Amino acid sequence: MFHLSSPALPVGAYAYSQGLEYAIDSGQLKTAEDVAAWLRGVLHHGFGKLDLPVLMAAYSAWEAEDFAAVNEWNFFLRACRETSELLLEDEQLGVALQRLLLDLGAPAGAIQSLKAKPAFAIMFALAGQHWKIPRADLMHSFAYSWLENQVAAATKILPLGQTAAQKLLLQILPEIPAAIAAAQALPLEDIGASLPGQVMASSLHEYQYSRLFRS
């Protein structure tokens, strides 16, 4: 679990801001409090209603060796990426983790059952199932990894000092269990979320004149 959430995991997650860079550069987010509000919104209304429940559903599908369901969730998650940058991020993180898992002994047959480039959550679910990490623990690892990468991005863009970044991280961390509980209780038909502000920021970020992050 700690291995998967480590910033040293070689998937390149540090290279993406998910629209946060544009939101800061355009002046929409000016302070650490603004960034905290942005991250809370994404956690509870986007990430928590899409990525986390799909992670849980994909875990169950991998566990049951239901590769048709795995592919359905992979196609679904890919389709929910509303900009080319968000889709490219998901693909590149997923492919990088796929390559790593093959090198670390994950079942090649399961991985080869995928009919499209894997979304990151799909591969994260396979890693958790392969290493027998309990679902709730895996969801905590996944959410923490996302939050830490977003705070690290804000540290570089705003910029935030290291102490301010740690305060921001500690401010949002206690909200992860609530997001996970909501994801666990979410009916399958309600999985999926659109955050228009983040989508617009991601679209505009693609054409931003100068930027540090790929997405």
N, C-alpha and C. Protein backbone atom coordinates (compact mmCIF):
# COMPACT_ATOMS: atom_id res chain seq x y z
N MET A 1 0.83 -1.20 0.00
CA MET A 1 0.00 0.00 0.00
C MET A 1 0.87 1.25 0.00
N PHE A 2 1.91 1.28 0.86
CA PHE A 2 2.80 2.43 0.91
C PHE A 2 3.61 2.54 -0.37
N HIS A 3 3.96 1.39 -0.92
CA HIS A 3 4.70 1.38 -2.19
C HIS A 3 3.89 2.08 -3.28
N LEU A 4 2.61 1.77 -3.37
CA LEU A 4 1.77 2.33 -4.42
C LEU A 4 1.53 3.82 -4.24
N SER A 5 1.50 4.29 -3.00
CA SER A 5 1.24 5.71 -2.77
C SER A 5 2.51 6.55 -2.70
N SER A 6 3.66 5.92 -2.84
CA SER A 6 4.93 6.64 -2.73
C SER A 6 5.15 7.56 -3.93
N PRO A 7 5.65 8.77 -3.70
CA PRO A 7 6.01 9.65 -4.82
C PRO A 7 7.11 9.06 -5.70
N ALA A 8 7.84 8.06 -5.16
CA ALA A 8 8.90 7.43 -5.92
C ALA A 8 8.39 6.37 -6.90
N LEU A 9 7.09 6.08 -6.86
CA LEU A 9 6.53 5.12 -7.82
C LEU A 9 6.74 5.68 -9.22
N PRO A 10 7.42 4.94 -10.09
CA PRO A 10 7.83 5.52 -11.39
C PRO A 10 6.72 5.53 -12.44
N VAL A 11 5.69 6.33 -12.18
CA VAL A 11 4.60 6.46 -13.16
C VAL A 11 4.48 7.88 -13.72
N GLY A 12 5.21 8.83 -13.12
CA GLY A 12 5.21 10.19 -13.65
C GLY A 12 4.06 11.05 -13.19
N ALA A 13 3.41 10.70 -12.07
CA ALA A 13 2.26 11.48 -11.61
C ALA A 13 2.63 12.92 -11.26
N TYR A 14 3.88 13.14 -10.92
CA TYR A 14 4.33 14.49 -10.53
C TYR A 14 4.25 15.49 -11.70
N ALA A 15 4.09 15.00 -12.92
CA ALA A 15 4.14 15.87 -14.10
C ALA A 15 2.79 16.48 -14.44
N TYR A 16 1.75 16.22 -13.66
CA TYR A 16 0.39 16.65 -14.01
C TYR A 16 -0.24 17.47 -12.90
N SER A 17 -1.00 18.48 -13.29
CA SER A 17 -1.68 19.32 -12.30
C SER A 17 -3.20 19.24 -12.41
N GLN A 18 -3.72 18.58 -13.45
CA GLN A 18 -5.17 18.40 -13.64
C GLN A 18 -5.92 19.74 -13.68
N GLY A 19 -5.33 20.70 -14.38
CA GLY A 19 -5.97 22.01 -14.52
C GLY A 19 -5.63 22.99 -13.43
N LEU A 20 -5.00 22.52 -12.36
CA LEU A 20 -4.67 23.39 -11.23
C LEU A 20 -3.71 24.50 -11.66
N GLU A 21 -2.77 24.18 -12.55
CA GLU A 21 -1.80 25.19 -12.96
C GLU A 21 -2.49 26.37 -13.65
N TYR A 22 -3.44 26.09 -14.54
CA TYR A 22 -4.15 27.19 -15.20
C TYR A 22 -4.98 27.98 -14.19
N ALA A 23 -5.65 27.28 -13.27
CA ALA A 23 -6.50 27.98 -12.30
C ALA A 23 -5.70 28.95 -11.46
N ILE A 24 -4.45 28.58 -11.14
CA ILE A 24 -3.58 29.48 -10.37
C ILE A 24 -3.02 30.58 -11.26
N ASP A 25 -2.55 30.20 -12.44
CA ASP A 25 -1.93 31.17 -13.34
C ASP A 25 -2.92 32.25 -13.79
N SER A 26 -4.19 31.87 -13.93
CA SER A 26 -5.21 32.82 -14.39
C SER A 26 -5.73 33.71 -13.27
N GLY A 27 -5.30 33.46 -12.04
CA GLY A 27 -5.72 34.28 -10.91
C GLY A 27 -6.96 33.79 -10.21
N GLN A 28 -7.53 32.66 -10.63
CA GLN A 28 -8.72 32.14 -9.95
C GLN A 28 -8.38 31.68 -8.54
N LEU A 29 -7.19 31.12 -8.37
CA LEU A 29 -6.72 30.66 -7.06
C LEU A 29 -5.49 31.48 -6.70
N LYS A 30 -5.57 32.21 -5.58
CA LYS A 30 -4.48 33.12 -5.23
C LYS A 30 -3.79 32.77 -3.92
N THR A 31 -4.45 32.00 -3.08
CA THR A 31 -3.91 31.71 -1.76
C THR A 31 -3.99 30.20 -1.48
N ALA A 32 -3.34 29.80 -0.40
CA ALA A 32 -3.42 28.39 0.02
C ALA A 32 -4.86 28.01 0.34
N GLU A 33 -5.63 28.97 0.88
CA GLU A 33 -7.04 28.69 1.19
C GLU A 33 -7.84 28.45 -0.09
N ASP A 34 -7.52 29.20 -1.14
CA ASP A 34 -8.19 28.98 -2.42
C ASP A 34 -7.88 27.59 -2.96
N VAL A 35 -6.63 27.19 -2.87
CA VAL A 35 -6.23 25.87 -3.34
C VAL A 35 -6.92 24.78 -2.52
N ALA A 36 -7.01 24.99 -1.21
CA ALA A 36 -7.69 24.01 -0.34
C ALA A 36 -9.15 23.85 -0.76
N ALA A 37 -9.81 24.95 -1.07
CA ALA A 37 -11.21 24.87 -1.50
C ALA A 37 -11.33 24.12 -2.82
N TRP A 38 -10.41 24.38 -3.75
CA TRP A 38 -10.38 23.67 -5.04
C TRP A 38 -10.21 22.17 -4.83
N LEU A 39 -9.24 21.80 -3.99
CA LEU A 39 -8.96 20.38 -3.77
C LEU A 39 -10.12 19.68 -3.06
N ARG A 40 -10.75 20.39 -2.12
CA ARG A 40 -11.93 19.79 -1.47
C ARG A 40 -13.03 19.53 -2.49
N GLY A 41 -13.26 20.48 -3.36
CA GLY A 41 -14.30 20.31 -4.37
C GLY A 41 -14.02 19.13 -5.28
N VAL A 42 -12.77 19.02 -5.74
CA VAL A 42 -12.41 17.90 -6.62
C VAL A 42 -12.51 16.58 -5.87
N LEU A 43 -12.03 16.54 -4.63
CA LEU A 43 -12.06 15.30 -3.85
C LEU A 43 -13.48 14.79 -3.65
N HIS A 44 -14.38 15.67 -3.22
CA HIS A 44 -15.72 15.23 -2.85
C HIS A 44 -16.68 15.13 -4.03
N HIS A 45 -16.49 15.94 -5.06
CA HIS A 45 -17.48 15.99 -6.14
C HIS A 45 -16.97 15.44 -7.47
N GLY A 46 -15.68 15.17 -7.57
CA GLY A 46 -15.11 14.61 -8.79
C GLY A 46 -14.41 13.30 -8.53
N PHE A 47 -13.23 13.37 -7.98
CA PHE A 47 -12.42 12.19 -7.67
C PHE A 47 -13.19 11.17 -6.83
N GLY A 48 -13.92 11.67 -5.84
CA GLY A 48 -14.65 10.78 -4.94
C GLY A 48 -15.89 10.15 -5.54
N LYS A 49 -16.41 10.74 -6.62
CA LYS A 49 -17.61 10.19 -7.26
C LYS A 49 -17.29 9.45 -8.57
N LEU A 50 -16.02 9.45 -8.95
CA LEU A 50 -15.64 8.77 -10.18
C LEU A 50 -14.47 7.82 -9.94
N ASP A 51 -13.30 8.36 -9.68
CA ASP A 51 -12.10 7.52 -9.58
C ASP A 51 -12.18 6.52 -8.43
N LEU A 52 -12.59 6.97 -7.26
CA LEU A 52 -12.63 6.05 -6.12
C LEU A 52 -13.64 4.92 -6.30
N PRO A 53 -14.88 5.19 -6.69
CA PRO A 53 -15.81 4.07 -6.89
C PRO A 53 -15.42 3.17 -8.05
N VAL A 54 -14.82 3.71 -9.12
CA VAL A 54 -14.36 2.86 -10.22
C VAL A 54 -13.21 1.98 -9.74
N LEU A 55 -12.32 2.52 -8.91
CA LEU A 55 -11.25 1.71 -8.34
C LEU A 55 -11.82 0.51 -7.59
N MET A 56 -12.85 0.74 -6.80
CA MET A 56 -13.46 -0.33 -6.02
C MET A 56 -14.14 -1.36 -6.94
N ALA A 57 -14.84 -0.87 -7.95
CA ALA A 57 -15.52 -1.78 -8.88
C ALA A 57 -14.53 -2.58 -9.69
N ALA A 58 -13.44 -1.95 -10.12
CA ALA A 58 -12.42 -2.66 -10.90
C ALA A 58 -11.71 -3.70 -10.05
N TYR A 59 -11.50 -3.39 -8.78
CA TYR A 59 -10.89 -4.36 -7.86
C TYR A 59 -11.73 -5.64 -7.83
N SER A 60 -13.04 -5.47 -7.67
CA SER A 60 -13.94 -6.63 -7.61
C SER A 60 -13.91 -7.41 -8.93
N ALA A 61 -13.83 -6.69 -10.05
CA ALA A 61 -13.81 -7.35 -11.36
C ALA A 61 -12.51 -8.13 -11.54
N TRP A 62 -11.38 -7.53 -11.17
CA TRP A 62 -10.10 -8.26 -11.26
C TRP A 62 -10.12 -9.49 -10.36
N GLU A 63 -10.67 -9.33 -9.16
CA GLU A 63 -10.70 -10.43 -8.19
C GLU A 63 -11.51 -11.61 -8.73
N ALA A 64 -12.61 -11.30 -9.42
CA ALA A 64 -13.47 -12.33 -9.98
C ALA A 64 -12.99 -12.83 -11.34
N GLU A 65 -11.88 -12.27 -11.82
CA GLU A 65 -11.37 -12.57 -13.16
C GLU A 65 -12.44 -12.32 -14.23
N ASP A 66 -13.25 -11.30 -13.97
CA ASP A 66 -14.29 -10.88 -14.92
C ASP A 66 -13.69 -9.81 -15.83
N PHE A 67 -12.97 -10.26 -16.84
CA PHE A 67 -12.22 -9.33 -17.68
C PHE A 67 -13.15 -8.47 -18.56
N ALA A 68 -14.35 -8.98 -18.84
CA ALA A 68 -15.31 -8.16 -19.57
C ALA A 68 -15.71 -6.95 -18.75
N ALA A 69 -15.93 -7.15 -17.45
CA ALA A 69 -16.28 -6.03 -16.56
C ALA A 69 -15.11 -5.07 -16.41
N VAL A 70 -13.90 -5.62 -16.32
CA VAL A 70 -12.71 -4.76 -16.23
C VAL A 70 -12.65 -3.84 -17.44
N ASN A 71 -12.87 -4.40 -18.63
CA ASN A 71 -12.83 -3.59 -19.84
C ASN A 71 -13.95 -2.56 -19.86
N GLU A 72 -15.12 -2.93 -19.38
CA GLU A 72 -16.23 -1.97 -19.33
C GLU A 72 -15.88 -0.78 -18.45
N TRP A 73 -15.30 -1.05 -17.27
CA TRP A 73 -14.92 0.04 -16.37
C TRP A 73 -13.78 0.86 -16.95
N ASN A 74 -12.88 0.21 -17.66
CA ASN A 74 -11.79 0.96 -18.28
C ASN A 74 -12.32 1.90 -19.36
N PHE A 75 -13.21 1.40 -20.21
CA PHE A 75 -13.81 2.25 -21.25
C PHE A 75 -14.62 3.38 -20.61
N PHE A 76 -15.33 3.05 -19.54
CA PHE A 76 -16.16 4.05 -18.87
C PHE A 76 -15.29 5.18 -18.31
N LEU A 77 -14.22 4.82 -17.62
CA LEU A 77 -13.37 5.84 -17.01
C LEU A 77 -12.68 6.69 -18.07
N ARG A 78 -12.23 6.05 -19.14
CA ARG A 78 -11.63 6.80 -20.25
C ARG A 78 -12.64 7.79 -20.84
N ALA A 79 -13.87 7.35 -20.99
CA ALA A 79 -14.91 8.20 -21.59
C ALA A 79 -15.26 9.39 -20.69
N CYS A 80 -15.01 9.26 -19.40
CA CYS A 80 -15.31 10.34 -18.46
C CYS A 80 -14.24 11.42 -18.45
N ARG A 81 -13.11 11.20 -19.13
CA ARG A 81 -12.07 12.23 -19.21
C ARG A 81 -12.47 13.21 -20.30
N GLU A 82 -12.82 14.41 -19.91
CA GLU A 82 -13.51 15.34 -20.79
C GLU A 82 -12.59 16.23 -21.62
N THR A 83 -11.29 16.13 -21.40
CA THR A 83 -10.35 16.88 -22.24
C THR A 83 -9.25 15.93 -22.70
N SER A 84 -8.59 16.31 -23.77
CA SER A 84 -7.50 15.47 -24.28
C SER A 84 -6.38 15.36 -23.27
N GLU A 85 -6.14 16.43 -22.49
CA GLU A 85 -5.06 16.38 -21.49
C GLU A 85 -5.39 15.42 -20.36
N LEU A 86 -6.63 15.44 -19.88
CA LEU A 86 -7.00 14.54 -18.78
C LEU A 86 -6.97 13.09 -19.23
N LEU A 87 -7.37 12.83 -20.48
CA LEU A 87 -7.31 11.46 -21.00
C LEU A 87 -5.86 11.03 -21.18
N LEU A 88 -5.03 11.91 -21.73
CA LEU A 88 -3.62 11.58 -21.94
C LEU A 88 -2.94 11.28 -20.61
N GLU A 89 -3.24 12.06 -19.59
CA GLU A 89 -2.67 11.81 -18.26
C GLU A 89 -3.05 10.42 -17.77
N ASP A 90 -4.33 10.10 -17.86
CA ASP A 90 -4.80 8.81 -17.37
C ASP A 90 -4.13 7.66 -18.13
N GLU A 91 -4.04 7.81 -19.46
CA GLU A 91 -3.39 6.78 -20.28
C GLU A 91 -1.93 6.60 -19.89
N GLN A 92 -1.21 7.70 -19.77
CA GLN A 92 0.22 7.60 -19.54
C GLN A 92 0.54 7.06 -18.15
N LEU A 93 -0.23 7.47 -17.15
CA LEU A 93 -0.05 6.90 -15.82
C LEU A 93 -0.42 5.41 -15.81
N GLY A 94 -1.51 5.08 -16.49
CA GLY A 94 -1.95 3.69 -16.53
C GLY A 94 -0.96 2.79 -17.24
N VAL A 95 -0.44 3.25 -18.36
CA VAL A 95 0.53 2.45 -19.12
C VAL A 95 1.82 2.29 -18.33
N ALA A 96 2.26 3.35 -17.65
CA ALA A 96 3.48 3.28 -16.85
C ALA A 96 3.32 2.28 -15.71
N LEU A 97 2.16 2.30 -15.04
CA LEU A 97 1.93 1.35 -13.95
C LEU A 97 1.77 -0.06 -14.50
N GLN A 98 1.15 -0.19 -15.65
CA GLN A 98 1.03 -1.50 -16.30
C GLN A 98 2.40 -2.11 -16.55
N ARG A 99 3.30 -1.31 -17.10
CA ARG A 99 4.66 -1.78 -17.38
C ARG A 99 5.38 -2.19 -16.10
N LEU A 100 5.21 -1.39 -15.04
CA LEU A 100 5.83 -1.70 -13.77
C LEU A 100 5.28 -2.99 -13.17
N LEU A 101 3.97 -3.16 -13.23
CA LEU A 101 3.35 -4.36 -12.65
C LEU A 101 3.81 -5.62 -13.38
N LEU A 102 3.98 -5.55 -14.69
CA LEU A 102 4.49 -6.70 -15.43
C LEU A 102 5.88 -7.07 -14.95
N ASP A 103 6.70 -6.06 -14.71
CA ASP A 103 8.07 -6.30 -14.23
C ASP A 103 8.08 -6.84 -12.81
N LEU A 104 7.02 -6.54 -12.04
CA LEU A 104 6.97 -6.97 -10.64
C LEU A 104 6.16 -8.25 -10.44
N GLY A 105 5.78 -8.90 -11.54
CA GLY A 105 5.16 -10.22 -11.43
C GLY A 105 3.66 -10.26 -11.44
N ALA A 106 3.00 -9.17 -11.79
CA ALA A 106 1.53 -9.21 -11.92
C ALA A 106 1.14 -10.12 -13.07
N PRO A 107 -0.03 -10.75 -13.02
CA PRO A 107 -0.42 -11.71 -14.05
C PRO A 107 -0.51 -11.10 -15.45
N ALA A 108 0.35 -11.55 -16.34
CA ALA A 108 0.38 -10.98 -17.70
C ALA A 108 -0.93 -11.24 -18.44
N GLY A 109 -1.53 -12.40 -18.20
CA GLY A 109 -2.78 -12.73 -18.90
C GLY A 109 -3.88 -11.74 -18.57
N ALA A 110 -3.97 -11.34 -17.30
CA ALA A 110 -4.99 -10.37 -16.90
C ALA A 110 -4.74 -9.04 -17.59
N ILE A 111 -3.49 -8.60 -17.58
CA ILE A 111 -3.16 -7.32 -18.18
C ILE A 111 -3.42 -7.34 -19.68
N GLN A 112 -3.10 -8.45 -20.31
CA GLN A 112 -3.28 -8.55 -21.77
C GLN A 112 -4.74 -8.65 -22.17
N SER A 113 -5.63 -8.83 -21.20
CA SER A 113 -7.06 -8.88 -21.51
C SER A 113 -7.63 -7.51 -21.83
N LEU A 114 -6.90 -6.46 -21.50
CA LEU A 114 -7.40 -5.10 -21.74
C LEU A 114 -7.43 -4.79 -23.23
N LYS A 115 -8.51 -4.16 -23.67
CA LYS A 115 -8.70 -3.87 -25.09
C LYS A 115 -8.37 -2.42 -25.45
N ALA A 116 -7.98 -1.64 -24.47
CA ALA A 116 -7.57 -0.25 -24.71
C ALA A 116 -6.51 0.09 -23.68
N LYS A 117 -5.82 1.20 -23.88
CA LYS A 117 -4.83 1.62 -22.89
C LYS A 117 -5.50 1.75 -21.54
N PRO A 118 -4.87 1.24 -20.49
CA PRO A 118 -5.54 1.23 -19.19
C PRO A 118 -5.56 2.59 -18.52
N ALA A 119 -6.67 2.93 -17.90
CA ALA A 119 -6.74 4.08 -17.02
C ALA A 119 -5.96 3.76 -15.74
N PHE A 120 -5.48 4.79 -15.08
CA PHE A 120 -4.63 4.60 -13.92
C PHE A 120 -5.34 3.82 -12.81
N ALA A 121 -6.60 4.16 -12.53
CA ALA A 121 -7.33 3.49 -11.46
C ALA A 121 -7.51 2.00 -11.74
N ILE A 122 -7.62 1.64 -13.01
CA ILE A 122 -7.78 0.22 -13.37
C ILE A 122 -6.53 -0.57 -13.02
N MET A 123 -5.35 0.02 -13.31
CA MET A 123 -4.10 -0.65 -12.98
C MET A 123 -3.82 -0.61 -11.48
N PHE A 124 -4.21 0.47 -10.84
CA PHE A 124 -4.04 0.57 -9.38
C PHE A 124 -4.87 -0.51 -8.69
N ALA A 125 -6.07 -0.74 -9.22
CA ALA A 125 -6.94 -1.79 -8.66
C ALA A 125 -6.31 -3.16 -8.85
N LEU A 126 -5.71 -3.41 -10.01
CA LEU A 126 -5.06 -4.69 -10.24
C LEU A 126 -3.90 -4.88 -9.28
N ALA A 127 -3.11 -3.83 -9.07
CA ALA A 127 -1.99 -3.92 -8.13
C ALA A 127 -2.49 -4.27 -6.74
N GLY A 128 -3.56 -3.60 -6.30
CA GLY A 128 -4.11 -3.87 -4.98
C GLY A 128 -4.64 -5.28 -4.85
N GLN A 129 -5.33 -5.75 -5.87
CA GLN A 129 -5.87 -7.11 -5.84
C GLN A 129 -4.75 -8.15 -5.89
N HIS A 130 -3.73 -7.89 -6.72
CA HIS A 130 -2.61 -8.83 -6.85
C HIS A 130 -1.85 -8.97 -5.53
N TRP A 131 -1.67 -7.86 -4.83
CA TRP A 131 -0.93 -7.87 -3.57
C TRP A 131 -1.83 -8.04 -2.36
N LYS A 132 -3.11 -8.33 -2.59
CA LYS A 132 -4.08 -8.61 -1.52
C LYS A 132 -4.19 -7.47 -0.52
N ILE A 133 -4.18 -6.26 -1.02
CA ILE A 133 -4.40 -5.09 -0.17
C ILE A 133 -5.91 -4.92 0.01
N PRO A 134 -6.41 -4.83 1.22
CA PRO A 134 -7.85 -4.64 1.43
C PRO A 134 -8.37 -3.40 0.68
N ARG A 135 -9.59 -3.48 0.21
CA ARG A 135 -10.16 -2.40 -0.62
C ARG A 135 -10.05 -1.03 0.05
N ALA A 136 -10.46 -0.96 1.31
CA ALA A 136 -10.47 0.34 1.99
C ALA A 136 -9.05 0.91 2.09
N ASP A 137 -8.09 0.07 2.39
CA ASP A 137 -6.70 0.53 2.47
C ASP A 137 -6.21 1.00 1.11
N LEU A 138 -6.59 0.27 0.07
CA LEU A 138 -6.17 0.66 -1.27
C LEU A 138 -6.77 2.01 -1.67
N MET A 139 -8.01 2.23 -1.30
CA MET A 139 -8.66 3.50 -1.61
C MET A 139 -7.98 4.66 -0.88
N HIS A 140 -7.57 4.41 0.38
CA HIS A 140 -6.83 5.43 1.11
C HIS A 140 -5.49 5.73 0.43
N SER A 141 -4.81 4.69 -0.01
CA SER A 141 -3.53 4.87 -0.69
C SER A 141 -3.70 5.67 -1.97
N PHE A 142 -4.74 5.35 -2.74
CA PHE A 142 -5.01 6.01 -4.01
C PHE A 142 -5.34 7.49 -3.79
N ALA A 143 -6.20 7.76 -2.80
CA ALA A 143 -6.60 9.14 -2.52
C ALA A 143 -5.43 9.95 -1.98
N TYR A 144 -4.63 9.35 -1.11
CA TYR A 144 -3.47 10.07 -0.57
C TYR A 144 -2.48 10.40 -1.68
N SER A 145 -2.24 9.46 -2.56
CA SER A 145 -1.32 9.70 -3.67
C SER A 145 -1.80 10.86 -4.53
N TRP A 146 -3.11 10.88 -4.84
CA TRP A 146 -3.67 11.98 -5.63
C TRP A 146 -3.49 13.31 -4.91
N LEU A 147 -3.83 13.35 -3.63
CA LEU A 147 -3.76 14.60 -2.87
C LEU A 147 -2.32 15.09 -2.77
N GLU A 148 -1.41 14.20 -2.49
CA GLU A 148 0.00 14.62 -2.33
C GLU A 148 0.54 15.20 -3.64
N ASN A 149 0.19 14.60 -4.76
CA ASN A 149 0.65 15.12 -6.05
C ASN A 149 0.04 16.49 -6.34
N GLN A 150 -1.22 16.70 -5.99
CA GLN A 150 -1.85 17.99 -6.22
C GLN A 150 -1.24 19.08 -5.33
N VAL A 151 -0.97 18.75 -4.08
CA VAL A 151 -0.33 19.71 -3.19
C VAL A 151 1.08 20.02 -3.66
N ALA A 152 1.79 19.00 -4.13
CA ALA A 152 3.14 19.23 -4.66
C ALA A 152 3.10 20.16 -5.87
N ALA A 153 2.08 20.00 -6.72
CA ALA A 153 1.94 20.89 -7.87
C ALA A 153 1.69 22.32 -7.41
N ALA A 154 0.80 22.49 -6.44
CA ALA A 154 0.50 23.83 -5.93
C ALA A 154 1.73 24.48 -5.30
N THR A 155 2.57 23.65 -4.68
CA THR A 155 3.80 24.16 -4.05
C THR A 155 4.69 24.84 -5.08
N LYS A 156 4.74 24.26 -6.28
CA LYS A 156 5.60 24.80 -7.33
C LYS A 156 4.95 26.00 -8.04
N ILE A 157 3.62 25.98 -8.18
CA ILE A 157 2.95 26.97 -9.01
C ILE A 157 2.63 28.25 -8.24
N LEU A 158 2.17 28.14 -6.98
CA LEU A 158 1.60 29.31 -6.30
C LEU A 158 2.61 30.43 -6.04
N PRO A 159 3.79 30.25 -5.56
CA PRO A 159 4.32 29.05 -4.92
C PRO A 159 3.98 29.04 -3.43
N LEU A 160 4.06 27.84 -2.86
CA LEU A 160 3.88 27.67 -1.42
C LEU A 160 5.22 27.27 -0.81
N GLY A 161 5.50 27.72 0.38
CA GLY A 161 6.65 27.21 1.11
C GLY A 161 6.39 25.79 1.57
N GLN A 162 7.44 25.10 1.95
CA GLN A 162 7.29 23.71 2.36
C GLN A 162 6.38 23.57 3.58
N THR A 163 6.50 24.48 4.53
CA THR A 163 5.65 24.40 5.72
C THR A 163 4.19 24.65 5.37
N ALA A 164 3.94 25.64 4.52
CA ALA A 164 2.57 25.92 4.09
C ALA A 164 1.98 24.75 3.33
N ALA A 165 2.81 24.08 2.53
CA ALA A 165 2.34 22.91 1.78
C ALA A 165 1.95 21.78 2.73
N GLN A 166 2.75 21.57 3.78
CA GLN A 166 2.42 20.52 4.74
C GLN A 166 1.14 20.85 5.50
N LYS A 167 0.95 22.13 5.83
CA LYS A 167 -0.29 22.54 6.50
C LYS A 167 -1.49 22.29 5.59
N LEU A 168 -1.31 22.57 4.29
CA LEU A 168 -2.40 22.33 3.33
C LEU A 168 -2.72 20.85 3.25
N LEU A 169 -1.68 20.02 3.19
CA LEU A 169 -1.87 18.57 3.13
C LEU A 169 -2.62 18.08 4.37
N LEU A 170 -2.19 18.53 5.54
CA LEU A 170 -2.82 18.10 6.80
C LEU A 170 -4.25 18.62 6.92
N GLN A 171 -4.54 19.73 6.26
CA GLN A 171 -5.88 20.31 6.28
C GLN A 171 -6.88 19.45 5.50
N ILE A 172 -6.42 18.85 4.39
CA ILE A 172 -7.32 18.08 3.52
C ILE A 172 -7.35 16.60 3.90
N LEU A 173 -6.26 16.09 4.44
CA LEU A 173 -6.18 14.65 4.74
C LEU A 173 -7.37 14.11 5.55
N PRO A 174 -7.84 14.81 6.59
CA PRO A 174 -8.96 14.27 7.38
C PRO A 174 -10.25 14.10 6.58
N GLU A 175 -10.33 14.69 5.39
CA GLU A 175 -11.55 14.59 4.59
C GLU A 175 -11.56 13.36 3.68
N ILE A 176 -10.41 12.70 3.57
CA ILE A 176 -10.33 11.52 2.71
C ILE A 176 -11.27 10.40 3.18
N PRO A 177 -11.31 10.06 4.49
CA PRO A 177 -12.23 8.99 4.92
C PRO A 177 -13.68 9.24 4.54
N ALA A 178 -14.13 10.50 4.62
CA ALA A 178 -15.52 10.80 4.25
C ALA A 178 -15.74 10.59 2.75
N ALA A 179 -14.75 10.97 1.94
CA ALA A 179 -14.87 10.78 0.49
C ALA A 179 -14.90 9.29 0.16
N ILE A 180 -14.12 8.50 0.87
CA ILE A 180 -14.09 7.06 0.65
C ILE A 180 -15.42 6.43 1.07
N ALA A 181 -15.93 6.84 2.22
CA ALA A 181 -17.22 6.30 2.68
C ALA A 181 -18.33 6.61 1.68
N ALA A 182 -18.32 7.82 1.13
CA ALA A 182 -19.32 8.19 0.14
C ALA A 182 -19.17 7.36 -1.12
N ALA A 183 -17.93 7.11 -1.53
CA ALA A 183 -17.68 6.30 -2.73
C ALA A 183 -18.15 4.87 -2.53
N GLN A 184 -17.95 4.34 -1.33
CA GLN A 184 -18.37 2.97 -1.04
C GLN A 184 -19.88 2.82 -1.04
N ALA A 185 -20.57 3.89 -0.70
CA ALA A 185 -22.04 3.84 -0.62
C ALA A 185 -22.71 4.24 -1.93
N LEU A 186 -21.93 4.68 -2.90
CA LEU A 186 -22.50 5.21 -4.14
C LEU A 186 -23.04 4.07 -5.02
N PRO A 187 -24.30 4.11 -5.42
CA PRO A 187 -24.83 3.08 -6.33
C PRO A 187 -24.08 3.11 -7.66
N LEU A 188 -23.96 1.96 -8.30
CA LEU A 188 -23.21 1.88 -9.56
C LEU A 188 -23.74 2.84 -10.60
N GLU A 189 -25.06 3.00 -10.64
CA GLU A 189 -25.65 3.86 -11.68
C GLU A 189 -25.36 5.34 -11.43
N ASP A 190 -24.88 5.69 -10.24
CA ASP A 190 -24.59 7.09 -9.93
C ASP A 190 -23.10 7.42 -10.05
N ILE A 191 -22.28 6.44 -10.42
CA ILE A 191 -20.86 6.71 -10.58
C ILE A 191 -20.64 7.60 -11.79
N GLY A 192 -19.79 8.59 -11.62
CA GLY A 192 -19.50 9.53 -12.71
C GLY A 192 -19.74 10.94 -12.25
N ALA A 193 -18.86 11.84 -12.65
CA ALA A 193 -19.00 13.23 -12.22
C ALA A 193 -18.38 14.14 -13.26
N SER A 194 -18.91 15.34 -13.36
CA SER A 194 -18.33 16.36 -14.23
C SER A 194 -18.10 17.61 -13.40
N LEU A 195 -16.90 18.14 -13.46
CA LEU A 195 -16.56 19.38 -12.79
C LEU A 195 -16.24 20.41 -13.86
N PRO A 196 -17.24 21.20 -14.30
CA PRO A 196 -17.04 22.12 -15.42
C PRO A 196 -15.86 23.08 -15.24
N GLY A 197 -15.66 23.56 -14.00
CA GLY A 197 -14.54 24.48 -13.77
C GLY A 197 -13.20 23.82 -14.01
N GLN A 198 -13.05 22.59 -13.54
CA GLN A 198 -11.80 21.87 -13.77
C GLN A 198 -11.63 21.54 -15.25
N VAL A 199 -12.72 21.17 -15.90
CA VAL A 199 -12.66 20.84 -17.33
C VAL A 199 -12.22 22.05 -18.14
N MET A 200 -12.79 23.21 -17.85
CA MET A 200 -12.40 24.43 -18.56
C MET A 200 -10.95 24.78 -18.29
N ALA A 201 -10.52 24.63 -17.04
CA ALA A 201 -9.12 24.92 -16.70
C ALA A 201 -8.18 23.97 -17.45
N SER A 202 -8.57 22.71 -17.55
CA SER A 202 -7.75 21.75 -18.28
C SER A 202 -7.69 22.09 -19.77
N SER A 203 -8.83 22.48 -20.34
CA SER A 203 -8.86 22.84 -21.77
C SER A 203 -7.97 24.05 -22.05
N LEU A 204 -8.08 25.06 -21.20
CA LEU A 204 -7.30 26.28 -21.39
C LEU A 204 -5.82 26.05 -21.09
N HIS A 205 -5.54 25.11 -20.18
CA HIS A 205 -4.15 24.80 -19.85
C HIS A 205 -3.41 24.24 -21.06
N GLU A 206 -4.14 23.55 -21.92
CA GLU A 206 -3.51 22.95 -23.11
C GLU A 206 -2.84 24.02 -23.97
N TYR A 207 -3.38 25.24 -23.96
CA TYR A 207 -2.86 26.32 -24.80
C TYR A 207 -2.17 27.41 -23.98
N GLN A 208 -1.91 27.12 -22.71
CA GLN A 208 -1.25 28.10 -21.86
C GLN A 208 0.15 28.38 -22.40
N TYR A 209 0.53 29.67 -22.43
CA TYR A 209 1.78 30.07 -23.08
C TYR A 209 3.00 29.42 -22.42
N SER A 210 3.06 29.48 -21.11
CA SER A 210 4.21 28.92 -20.38
C SER A 210 3.67 28.08 -19.24
N ARG A 211 4.18 26.87 -19.10
CA ARG A 211 3.65 26.01 -18.05
C ARG A 211 4.71 25.02 -17.58
N LEU A 212 4.52 24.56 -16.35
CA LEU A 212 5.43 23.59 -15.74
C LEU A 212 4.92 22.16 -15.93
N PHE A 213 3.60 22.00 -16.02
CA PHE A 213 2.99 20.67 -15.99
C PHE A 213 2.39 20.29 -17.34
N ARG A 214 2.28 18.99 -17.55
CA ARG A 214 1.78 18.48 -18.83
C ARG A 214 0.26 18.55 -18.89
N SER A 215 -0.40 18.56 -17.77
CA SER A 215 -1.87 18.57 -17.75
C SER A 215 -2.35 19.41 -16.58
